[in-house]
Amino acid sequence: MEQKCNCGVYIGRFQPLHLGHEYVISEMIKNHGIDNSLIMIGTPDNRINPNKNIFSFGERYKMIKNSFPEFNNIIALADVFNNKDWALQIKTILTLWKPKNEESNFIFYYGSDNDIKSFYTGYNFTLKNMNRENFAFSNISGTLIRDELTIGNKIDNYINKNNLNFIYSIWDEKCKKDSH
């Protein structure tokens, strides 16, 4: 009997990608290999709640590629406002995405208990908490970073240096549009 492939899956909004996200991605790659890891970028349409979803799918994709240049398994997860339909969408995507066409067990990575409460509860997903709350990046969140940007504070301690200028330029452009 052929052994199933264990694959890592990380679903996030990455608004923006920060060091906490990168920790989870690095651990997933370390545990499953780059070819057996998948990132799903949620809420690809930044017109939905624009203050919370500043960065487009393409911009977030580029942030991930800036931090993990060899990583290619990145896809958009469409906005679905019903948890049952959301879970079905994920299962459909995973049925279509199978590394090397192998049978796969999917392990969903997350960084804090806040991530898990609304997204995975009640579904038969295998979960792995990287518990970023217990390490140096415990206070990082996309909300914190967006708030820091809003009041003009630096975000250098939260963001990979490969993405800093990119994020600042997008933010500056957004602020210019909002002021007109």
N, C-alpha and C. Protein backbone atom coordinates (compact mmCIF):
# COMPACT_ATOMS: atom_id res chain seq x y z
N MET A 1 0.85 -1.19 0.00
CA MET A 1 0.00 0.00 0.00
C MET A 1 0.89 1.25 0.00
N GLU A 2 0.60 2.14 -0.91
CA GLU A 2 1.38 3.36 -1.05
C GLU A 2 1.06 4.34 0.07
N GLN A 3 2.10 4.95 0.64
CA GLN A 3 1.93 5.90 1.73
C GLN A 3 1.42 7.23 1.17
N LYS A 4 0.50 7.87 1.90
CA LYS A 4 -0.03 9.16 1.48
C LYS A 4 1.00 10.25 1.72
N CYS A 5 0.96 11.25 0.88
CA CYS A 5 1.81 12.42 1.01
C CYS A 5 1.18 13.38 2.03
N ASN A 6 1.96 13.81 3.01
CA ASN A 6 1.49 14.84 3.94
C ASN A 6 1.83 16.20 3.36
N CYS A 7 0.81 17.00 3.14
CA CYS A 7 0.99 18.32 2.53
C CYS A 7 0.55 19.39 3.50
N GLY A 8 1.29 20.49 3.53
CA GLY A 8 0.94 21.62 4.36
C GLY A 8 0.13 22.64 3.59
N VAL A 9 -0.86 23.22 4.24
CA VAL A 9 -1.71 24.25 3.64
C VAL A 9 -1.80 25.40 4.63
N TYR A 10 -1.57 26.61 4.13
CA TYR A 10 -1.68 27.80 4.97
C TYR A 10 -2.59 28.78 4.27
N ILE A 11 -3.69 29.12 4.93
CA ILE A 11 -4.65 30.08 4.39
C ILE A 11 -4.52 31.37 5.20
N GLY A 12 -4.37 32.48 4.49
CA GLY A 12 -4.26 33.76 5.18
C GLY A 12 -4.67 34.91 4.29
N ARG A 13 -4.94 36.04 4.91
CA ARG A 13 -5.23 37.26 4.15
C ARG A 13 -3.94 37.99 3.81
N PHE A 14 -2.94 37.92 4.68
CA PHE A 14 -1.63 38.53 4.42
C PHE A 14 -1.78 40.01 4.07
N GLN A 15 -2.46 40.76 4.93
CA GLN A 15 -2.76 42.18 4.71
C GLN A 15 -1.96 43.08 5.66
N PRO A 16 -0.68 43.18 5.58
CA PRO A 16 0.26 42.58 4.63
C PRO A 16 0.93 41.33 5.21
N LEU A 17 1.75 40.70 4.39
CA LEU A 17 2.58 39.58 4.84
C LEU A 17 3.55 40.12 5.88
N HIS A 18 3.61 39.47 7.05
CA HIS A 18 4.51 39.93 8.12
C HIS A 18 5.35 38.77 8.64
N LEU A 19 6.23 39.07 9.57
CA LEU A 19 7.18 38.07 10.08
C LEU A 19 6.48 36.89 10.75
N GLY A 20 5.33 37.11 11.35
CA GLY A 20 4.56 36.00 11.93
C GLY A 20 4.09 35.03 10.86
N HIS A 21 3.56 35.58 9.75
CA HIS A 21 3.17 34.72 8.61
C HIS A 21 4.38 33.95 8.09
N GLU A 22 5.49 34.66 7.95
CA GLU A 22 6.70 34.04 7.40
C GLU A 22 7.20 32.90 8.27
N TYR A 23 7.06 33.05 9.58
CA TYR A 23 7.43 31.96 10.49
C TYR A 23 6.59 30.72 10.20
N VAL A 24 5.28 30.90 10.08
CA VAL A 24 4.38 29.77 9.82
C VAL A 24 4.72 29.14 8.47
N ILE A 25 4.93 29.95 7.44
CA ILE A 25 5.27 29.42 6.11
C ILE A 25 6.59 28.65 6.16
N SER A 26 7.59 29.20 6.84
CA SER A 26 8.89 28.52 6.95
C SER A 26 8.76 27.17 7.63
N GLU A 27 7.98 27.12 8.69
CA GLU A 27 7.78 25.85 9.40
C GLU A 27 7.04 24.84 8.53
N MET A 28 6.06 25.31 7.79
CA MET A 28 5.31 24.43 6.89
C MET A 28 6.24 23.84 5.83
N ILE A 29 7.06 24.69 5.22
CA ILE A 29 8.02 24.22 4.21
C ILE A 29 9.02 23.25 4.83
N LYS A 30 9.49 23.57 6.03
CA LYS A 30 10.45 22.70 6.71
C LYS A 30 9.84 21.31 6.97
N ASN A 31 8.56 21.28 7.33
CA ASN A 31 7.90 20.02 7.66
C ASN A 31 7.44 19.22 6.45
N HIS A 32 7.15 19.88 5.33
CA HIS A 32 6.54 19.19 4.19
C HIS A 32 7.31 19.33 2.89
N GLY A 33 8.27 20.22 2.85
CA GLY A 33 8.98 20.50 1.61
C GLY A 33 8.24 21.53 0.80
N ILE A 34 8.97 22.22 -0.05
CA ILE A 34 8.39 23.32 -0.81
C ILE A 34 7.34 22.83 -1.82
N ASP A 35 7.56 21.64 -2.41
CA ASP A 35 6.61 21.13 -3.40
C ASP A 35 5.34 20.58 -2.78
N ASN A 36 5.37 20.28 -1.49
CA ASN A 36 4.20 19.73 -0.81
C ASN A 36 3.55 20.74 0.12
N SER A 37 3.75 22.02 -0.17
CA SER A 37 3.17 23.09 0.63
C SER A 37 2.36 24.01 -0.29
N LEU A 38 1.26 24.51 0.23
CA LEU A 38 0.35 25.35 -0.54
C LEU A 38 -0.08 26.55 0.31
N ILE A 39 -0.06 27.72 -0.28
CA ILE A 39 -0.58 28.92 0.35
C ILE A 39 -1.82 29.36 -0.41
N MET A 40 -2.91 29.56 0.33
CA MET A 40 -4.14 30.11 -0.24
C MET A 40 -4.30 31.52 0.31
N ILE A 41 -4.38 32.48 -0.59
CA ILE A 41 -4.56 33.88 -0.19
C ILE A 41 -6.05 34.17 -0.18
N GLY A 42 -6.59 34.42 1.00
CA GLY A 42 -8.01 34.72 1.15
C GLY A 42 -8.33 36.15 0.81
N THR A 43 -9.60 36.43 0.62
CA THR A 43 -10.15 37.73 0.24
C THR A 43 -9.34 38.40 -0.86
N PRO A 44 -9.28 37.78 -2.05
CA PRO A 44 -8.49 38.36 -3.12
C PRO A 44 -9.01 39.68 -3.66
N ASP A 45 -10.24 40.04 -3.35
CA ASP A 45 -10.80 41.29 -3.85
C ASP A 45 -10.67 42.37 -2.79
N ASN A 46 -9.72 43.30 -2.97
CA ASN A 46 -9.49 44.31 -1.95
C ASN A 46 -10.55 45.41 -1.92
N ARG A 47 -11.55 45.32 -2.79
CA ARG A 47 -12.64 46.30 -2.74
C ARG A 47 -13.61 45.97 -1.61
N ILE A 48 -13.55 44.72 -1.10
CA ILE A 48 -14.39 44.33 0.02
C ILE A 48 -13.69 44.79 1.29
N ASN A 49 -14.32 45.67 2.03
CA ASN A 49 -13.76 46.27 3.24
C ASN A 49 -12.36 46.83 2.95
N PRO A 50 -12.27 47.90 2.15
CA PRO A 50 -10.98 48.41 1.69
C PRO A 50 -10.03 48.86 2.79
N ASN A 51 -10.52 49.23 3.96
CA ASN A 51 -9.62 49.63 5.04
C ASN A 51 -8.92 48.43 5.67
N LYS A 52 -9.52 47.28 5.54
CA LYS A 52 -8.93 46.05 6.09
C LYS A 52 -8.18 45.27 5.01
N ASN A 53 -8.58 45.45 3.78
CA ASN A 53 -8.00 44.72 2.65
C ASN A 53 -7.32 45.71 1.71
N ILE A 54 -6.22 46.27 2.16
CA ILE A 54 -5.50 47.31 1.44
C ILE A 54 -4.83 46.76 0.18
N PHE A 55 -4.26 45.57 0.31
CA PHE A 55 -3.39 45.03 -0.73
C PHE A 55 -4.15 44.05 -1.62
N SER A 56 -3.93 44.16 -2.92
CA SER A 56 -4.59 43.28 -3.88
C SER A 56 -3.99 41.88 -3.81
N PHE A 57 -4.65 40.94 -4.45
CA PHE A 57 -4.10 39.58 -4.52
C PHE A 57 -2.71 39.62 -5.14
N GLY A 58 -2.55 40.34 -6.24
CA GLY A 58 -1.26 40.40 -6.93
C GLY A 58 -0.16 40.97 -6.04
N GLU A 59 -0.49 41.98 -5.26
CA GLU A 59 0.50 42.57 -4.35
C GLU A 59 0.89 41.59 -3.25
N ARG A 60 -0.08 40.87 -2.71
CA ARG A 60 0.22 39.90 -1.66
C ARG A 60 0.99 38.70 -2.22
N TYR A 61 0.65 38.31 -3.43
CA TYR A 61 1.40 37.25 -4.11
C TYR A 61 2.87 37.68 -4.23
N LYS A 62 3.09 38.92 -4.65
CA LYS A 62 4.46 39.42 -4.80
C LYS A 62 5.19 39.46 -3.46
N MET A 63 4.50 39.83 -2.38
CA MET A 63 5.13 39.83 -1.05
C MET A 63 5.63 38.43 -0.70
N ILE A 64 4.80 37.43 -0.95
CA ILE A 64 5.20 36.05 -0.65
C ILE A 64 6.40 35.66 -1.50
N LYS A 65 6.35 35.99 -2.78
CA LYS A 65 7.47 35.66 -3.68
C LYS A 65 8.74 36.42 -3.30
N ASN A 66 8.61 37.67 -2.81
CA ASN A 66 9.78 38.42 -2.36
C ASN A 66 10.46 37.72 -1.18
N SER A 67 9.65 37.13 -0.31
CA SER A 67 10.19 36.47 0.88
C SER A 67 10.57 35.02 0.62
N PHE A 68 9.87 34.37 -0.29
CA PHE A 68 10.10 32.95 -0.61
C PHE A 68 10.17 32.80 -2.13
N PRO A 69 11.27 33.23 -2.75
CA PRO A 69 11.35 33.26 -4.22
C PRO A 69 11.13 31.91 -4.90
N GLU A 70 11.46 30.82 -4.24
CA GLU A 70 11.32 29.49 -4.85
C GLU A 70 9.92 28.91 -4.68
N PHE A 71 9.07 29.57 -3.91
CA PHE A 71 7.74 29.04 -3.61
C PHE A 71 6.78 29.40 -4.74
N ASN A 72 6.12 28.39 -5.31
CA ASN A 72 5.22 28.63 -6.44
C ASN A 72 3.77 28.22 -6.20
N ASN A 73 3.50 27.48 -5.15
CA ASN A 73 2.15 26.97 -4.91
C ASN A 73 1.34 27.99 -4.12
N ILE A 74 0.94 29.06 -4.82
CA ILE A 74 0.18 30.15 -4.22
C ILE A 74 -1.07 30.36 -5.06
N ILE A 75 -2.23 30.28 -4.43
CA ILE A 75 -3.48 30.47 -5.19
C ILE A 75 -4.43 31.38 -4.42
N ALA A 76 -5.38 31.94 -5.13
CA ALA A 76 -6.41 32.79 -4.53
C ALA A 76 -7.55 31.92 -4.03
N LEU A 77 -8.07 32.30 -2.89
CA LEU A 77 -9.25 31.66 -2.32
C LEU A 77 -10.36 32.70 -2.36
N ALA A 78 -11.36 32.46 -3.18
CA ALA A 78 -12.42 33.45 -3.40
C ALA A 78 -13.19 33.75 -2.13
N ASP A 79 -13.71 34.96 -2.06
CA ASP A 79 -14.54 35.34 -0.92
C ASP A 79 -15.83 34.55 -0.95
N VAL A 80 -16.09 33.85 0.13
CA VAL A 80 -17.34 33.12 0.31
C VAL A 80 -17.79 33.44 1.73
N PHE A 81 -18.99 33.94 1.89
CA PHE A 81 -19.43 34.44 3.19
C PHE A 81 -20.30 33.43 3.94
N ASN A 82 -20.12 32.16 3.62
CA ASN A 82 -20.82 31.07 4.29
C ASN A 82 -19.77 30.02 4.61
N ASN A 83 -19.59 29.69 5.87
CA ASN A 83 -18.50 28.78 6.26
C ASN A 83 -18.60 27.41 5.60
N LYS A 84 -19.83 26.91 5.41
CA LYS A 84 -19.99 25.61 4.77
C LYS A 84 -19.50 25.67 3.31
N ASP A 85 -19.88 26.72 2.59
CA ASP A 85 -19.44 26.88 1.20
C ASP A 85 -17.93 27.14 1.14
N TRP A 86 -17.41 27.86 2.13
CA TRP A 86 -15.97 28.13 2.20
C TRP A 86 -15.20 26.82 2.35
N ALA A 87 -15.66 25.96 3.26
CA ALA A 87 -15.00 24.67 3.47
C ALA A 87 -15.08 23.80 2.20
N LEU A 88 -16.23 23.84 1.53
CA LEU A 88 -16.40 23.08 0.29
C LEU A 88 -15.44 23.60 -0.79
N GLN A 89 -15.27 24.91 -0.89
CA GLN A 89 -14.34 25.50 -1.85
C GLN A 89 -12.91 25.01 -1.57
N ILE A 90 -12.52 25.00 -0.31
CA ILE A 90 -11.18 24.53 0.05
C ILE A 90 -11.00 23.07 -0.33
N LYS A 91 -11.99 22.25 0.00
CA LYS A 91 -11.89 20.83 -0.33
C LYS A 91 -11.81 20.62 -1.84
N THR A 92 -12.55 21.42 -2.62
CA THR A 92 -12.50 21.31 -4.08
C THR A 92 -11.11 21.68 -4.59
N ILE A 93 -10.55 22.77 -4.08
CA ILE A 93 -9.21 23.18 -4.50
C ILE A 93 -8.20 22.08 -4.18
N LEU A 94 -8.29 21.50 -3.00
CA LEU A 94 -7.33 20.47 -2.60
C LEU A 94 -7.47 19.20 -3.42
N THR A 95 -8.69 18.92 -3.87
CA THR A 95 -8.90 17.76 -4.75
C THR A 95 -8.17 17.97 -6.07
N LEU A 96 -8.16 19.21 -6.55
CA LEU A 96 -7.50 19.53 -7.82
C LEU A 96 -5.99 19.70 -7.67
N TRP A 97 -5.53 20.12 -6.49
CA TRP A 97 -4.10 20.34 -6.25
C TRP A 97 -3.56 19.19 -5.43
N LYS A 98 -2.86 18.32 -6.10
CA LYS A 98 -2.21 17.22 -5.41
C LYS A 98 -0.79 17.13 -5.93
N PRO A 99 0.20 17.34 -5.07
CA PRO A 99 1.58 17.25 -5.53
C PRO A 99 1.88 15.87 -6.14
N LYS A 100 2.45 15.90 -7.30
CA LYS A 100 2.87 14.67 -7.98
C LYS A 100 1.73 13.67 -8.12
N ASN A 101 0.49 14.17 -8.15
CA ASN A 101 -0.70 13.33 -8.32
C ASN A 101 -0.79 12.20 -7.29
N GLU A 102 -0.29 12.44 -6.11
CA GLU A 102 -0.33 11.43 -5.05
C GLU A 102 -1.57 11.63 -4.19
N GLU A 103 -1.96 10.56 -3.49
CA GLU A 103 -2.96 10.70 -2.45
C GLU A 103 -2.34 11.56 -1.35
N SER A 104 -3.11 12.45 -0.78
CA SER A 104 -2.53 13.40 0.16
C SER A 104 -3.36 13.53 1.42
N ASN A 105 -2.65 13.72 2.53
CA ASN A 105 -3.25 14.19 3.78
C ASN A 105 -2.89 15.66 3.86
N PHE A 106 -3.88 16.49 4.14
CA PHE A 106 -3.62 17.93 4.21
C PHE A 106 -3.63 18.39 5.65
N ILE A 107 -2.58 19.08 6.03
CA ILE A 107 -2.43 19.62 7.37
C ILE A 107 -2.49 21.14 7.26
N PHE A 108 -3.47 21.74 7.92
CA PHE A 108 -3.68 23.18 7.85
C PHE A 108 -2.90 23.85 8.96
N TYR A 109 -2.08 24.80 8.56
CA TYR A 109 -1.25 25.57 9.50
C TYR A 109 -1.96 26.85 9.86
N TYR A 110 -1.78 27.27 11.10
CA TYR A 110 -2.29 28.57 11.52
C TYR A 110 -1.38 29.11 12.62
N GLY A 111 -1.46 30.43 12.85
CA GLY A 111 -0.50 31.07 13.73
C GLY A 111 -1.02 31.44 15.10
N SER A 112 -2.33 31.49 15.28
CA SER A 112 -2.88 31.83 16.59
C SER A 112 -4.28 31.25 16.70
N ASP A 113 -4.73 31.10 17.93
CA ASP A 113 -6.07 30.58 18.14
C ASP A 113 -7.15 31.48 17.54
N ASN A 114 -6.86 32.77 17.42
CA ASN A 114 -7.83 33.67 16.78
C ASN A 114 -8.08 33.26 15.34
N ASP A 115 -7.04 32.74 14.67
CA ASP A 115 -7.19 32.31 13.29
C ASP A 115 -8.17 31.15 13.17
N ILE A 116 -8.17 30.29 14.14
CA ILE A 116 -8.88 29.02 14.05
C ILE A 116 -10.36 29.14 14.37
N LYS A 117 -10.72 30.08 15.21
CA LYS A 117 -12.07 30.11 15.74
C LYS A 117 -13.15 30.16 14.67
N SER A 118 -13.00 31.05 13.72
CA SER A 118 -14.08 31.21 12.73
C SER A 118 -13.87 30.38 11.48
N PHE A 119 -12.63 29.99 11.19
CA PHE A 119 -12.37 29.37 9.90
C PHE A 119 -12.49 27.85 9.88
N TYR A 120 -12.01 27.17 10.88
CA TYR A 120 -11.87 25.72 10.78
C TYR A 120 -12.78 24.93 11.71
N THR A 121 -13.40 25.58 12.67
CA THR A 121 -14.21 24.89 13.65
C THR A 121 -15.36 24.15 12.98
N GLY A 122 -15.52 22.89 13.35
CA GLY A 122 -16.65 22.10 12.85
C GLY A 122 -16.38 21.35 11.56
N TYR A 123 -15.16 21.45 11.02
CA TYR A 123 -14.84 20.74 9.79
C TYR A 123 -13.75 19.73 10.06
N ASN A 124 -13.71 18.71 9.29
CA ASN A 124 -12.77 17.62 9.50
C ASN A 124 -11.42 17.92 8.86
N PHE A 125 -10.78 19.01 9.30
CA PHE A 125 -9.46 19.38 8.81
C PHE A 125 -8.43 19.04 9.89
N THR A 126 -7.28 18.53 9.49
CA THR A 126 -6.18 18.32 10.42
C THR A 126 -5.47 19.66 10.59
N LEU A 127 -5.25 20.07 11.84
CA LEU A 127 -4.74 21.40 12.12
C LEU A 127 -3.40 21.34 12.84
N LYS A 128 -2.54 22.31 12.56
CA LYS A 128 -1.25 22.44 13.24
C LYS A 128 -1.06 23.90 13.63
N ASN A 129 -1.12 24.16 14.93
CA ASN A 129 -0.94 25.52 15.45
C ASN A 129 0.54 25.79 15.63
N MET A 130 1.07 26.76 14.91
CA MET A 130 2.47 27.15 15.05
C MET A 130 2.63 28.09 16.24
N ASN A 131 1.53 28.50 16.83
CA ASN A 131 1.49 29.27 18.06
C ASN A 131 2.49 30.42 18.08
N ARG A 132 2.37 31.29 17.11
CA ARG A 132 3.27 32.44 17.04
C ARG A 132 3.08 33.37 18.23
N GLU A 133 2.04 33.13 19.04
CA GLU A 133 1.82 33.95 20.22
C GLU A 133 2.86 33.68 21.30
N ASN A 134 3.61 32.57 21.18
CA ASN A 134 4.59 32.23 22.20
C ASN A 134 6.02 32.48 21.74
N PHE A 135 6.21 33.34 20.78
CA PHE A 135 7.58 33.64 20.35
C PHE A 135 7.71 35.14 20.06
N ALA A 136 8.82 35.52 19.51
CA ALA A 136 9.17 36.94 19.37
C ALA A 136 8.16 37.77 18.59
N PHE A 137 7.34 37.16 17.75
CA PHE A 137 6.41 37.91 16.92
C PHE A 137 4.99 37.87 17.48
N SER A 138 4.84 37.68 18.77
CA SER A 138 3.53 37.44 19.36
C SER A 138 2.53 38.57 19.13
N ASN A 139 3.01 39.79 19.07
CA ASN A 139 2.06 40.90 18.95
C ASN A 139 1.82 41.35 17.51
N ILE A 140 2.39 40.65 16.56
CA ILE A 140 2.21 41.05 15.16
C ILE A 140 0.83 40.67 14.67
N SER A 141 0.22 41.60 13.97
CA SER A 141 -1.03 41.32 13.26
C SER A 141 -1.11 42.31 12.10
N GLY A 142 -1.86 41.93 11.09
CA GLY A 142 -2.08 42.85 9.98
C GLY A 142 -2.74 44.14 10.44
N THR A 143 -3.66 44.03 11.39
CA THR A 143 -4.34 45.22 11.92
C THR A 143 -3.34 46.16 12.57
N LEU A 144 -2.45 45.63 13.39
CA LEU A 144 -1.42 46.45 14.04
C LEU A 144 -0.58 47.17 12.99
N ILE A 145 -0.16 46.46 11.97
CA ILE A 145 0.71 47.04 10.94
C ILE A 145 -0.04 48.12 10.16
N ARG A 146 -1.27 47.87 9.78
CA ARG A 146 -2.06 48.88 9.07
C ARG A 146 -2.28 50.11 9.96
N ASP A 147 -2.53 49.88 11.26
CA ASP A 147 -2.68 51.00 12.19
C ASP A 147 -1.39 51.81 12.29
N GLU A 148 -0.25 51.14 12.36
CA GLU A 148 1.04 51.83 12.43
C GLU A 148 1.27 52.66 11.17
N LEU A 149 0.95 52.09 10.02
CA LEU A 149 1.09 52.83 8.77
C LEU A 149 0.18 54.06 8.75
N THR A 150 -1.03 53.90 9.25
CA THR A 150 -2.01 54.99 9.25
C THR A 150 -1.51 56.19 10.04
N ILE A 151 -0.85 55.94 11.16
CA ILE A 151 -0.38 57.07 11.99
C ILE A 151 1.05 57.47 11.65
N GLY A 152 1.62 56.85 10.62
CA GLY A 152 2.93 57.26 10.14
C GLY A 152 4.12 56.63 10.84
N ASN A 153 3.87 55.57 11.61
CA ASN A 153 4.97 54.89 12.29
C ASN A 153 5.67 53.90 11.37
N LYS A 154 6.89 53.62 11.67
CA LYS A 154 7.66 52.63 10.90
C LYS A 154 7.18 51.22 11.23
N ILE A 155 7.29 50.33 10.26
CA ILE A 155 6.87 48.93 10.45
C ILE A 155 8.05 47.98 10.27
N ASP A 156 9.25 48.51 10.31
CA ASP A 156 10.46 47.74 10.03
C ASP A 156 10.62 46.50 10.91
N ASN A 157 10.13 46.55 12.13
CA ASN A 157 10.27 45.41 13.05
C ASN A 157 9.27 44.30 12.79
N TYR A 158 8.33 44.52 11.90
CA TYR A 158 7.26 43.56 11.64
C TYR A 158 7.33 42.91 10.25
N ILE A 159 8.09 43.52 9.36
CA ILE A 159 8.05 43.15 7.94
C ILE A 159 9.45 42.74 7.48
N ASN A 160 9.52 41.72 6.63
CA ASN A 160 10.77 41.31 6.01
C ASN A 160 11.32 42.48 5.20
N LYS A 161 12.61 42.70 5.29
CA LYS A 161 13.23 43.83 4.58
C LYS A 161 13.01 43.74 3.07
N ASN A 162 12.80 42.54 2.54
CA ASN A 162 12.55 42.38 1.10
C ASN A 162 11.21 42.98 0.68
N ASN A 163 10.33 43.23 1.65
CA ASN A 163 9.00 43.76 1.34
C ASN A 163 8.76 45.18 1.82
N LEU A 164 9.66 45.73 2.62
CA LEU A 164 9.40 47.04 3.23
C LEU A 164 9.13 48.14 2.20
N ASN A 165 10.03 48.34 1.27
CA ASN A 165 9.83 49.42 0.29
C ASN A 165 8.60 49.18 -0.56
N PHE A 166 8.35 47.92 -0.90
CA PHE A 166 7.16 47.57 -1.68
C PHE A 166 5.89 47.96 -0.93
N ILE A 167 5.82 47.61 0.35
CA ILE A 167 4.64 47.93 1.16
C ILE A 167 4.50 49.44 1.35
N TYR A 168 5.61 50.10 1.65
CA TYR A 168 5.55 51.56 1.81
C TYR A 168 5.07 52.24 0.52
N SER A 169 5.52 51.77 -0.63
CA SER A 169 5.12 52.41 -1.89
C SER A 169 3.63 52.20 -2.17
N ILE A 170 3.12 51.01 -1.88
CA ILE A 170 1.69 50.75 -2.06
C ILE A 170 0.89 51.63 -1.11
N TRP A 171 1.34 51.71 0.14
CA TRP A 171 0.64 52.52 1.14
C TRP A 171 0.63 53.98 0.72
N ASP A 172 1.79 54.49 0.29
CA ASP A 172 1.88 55.89 -0.14
C ASP A 172 0.93 56.15 -1.30
N GLU A 173 0.88 55.24 -2.26
CA GLU A 173 0.00 55.39 -3.41
C GLU A 173 -1.47 55.40 -2.97
N LYS A 174 -1.82 54.52 -2.05
CA LYS A 174 -3.20 54.48 -1.54
C LYS A 174 -3.54 55.79 -0.84
N CYS A 175 -2.61 56.30 -0.04
CA CYS A 175 -2.86 57.57 0.67
C CYS A 175 -3.04 58.73 -0.31
N LYS A 176 -2.28 58.74 -1.40
CA LYS A 176 -2.43 59.78 -2.42
C LYS A 176 -3.82 59.72 -3.05
N LYS A 177 -4.28 58.49 -3.37
CA LYS A 177 -5.61 58.33 -3.96
C LYS A 177 -6.71 58.77 -3.00
N ASP A 178 -6.54 58.42 -1.72
CA ASP A 178 -7.55 58.75 -0.72
C ASP A 178 -7.62 60.25 -0.45
N SER A 179 -6.52 60.98 -0.67
CA SER A 179 -6.50 62.41 -0.39
C SER A 179 -7.09 63.23 -1.54
N HIS A 180 -7.30 62.62 -2.68
CA HIS A 180 -7.87 63.35 -3.83
C HIS A 180 -9.36 63.22 -3.91
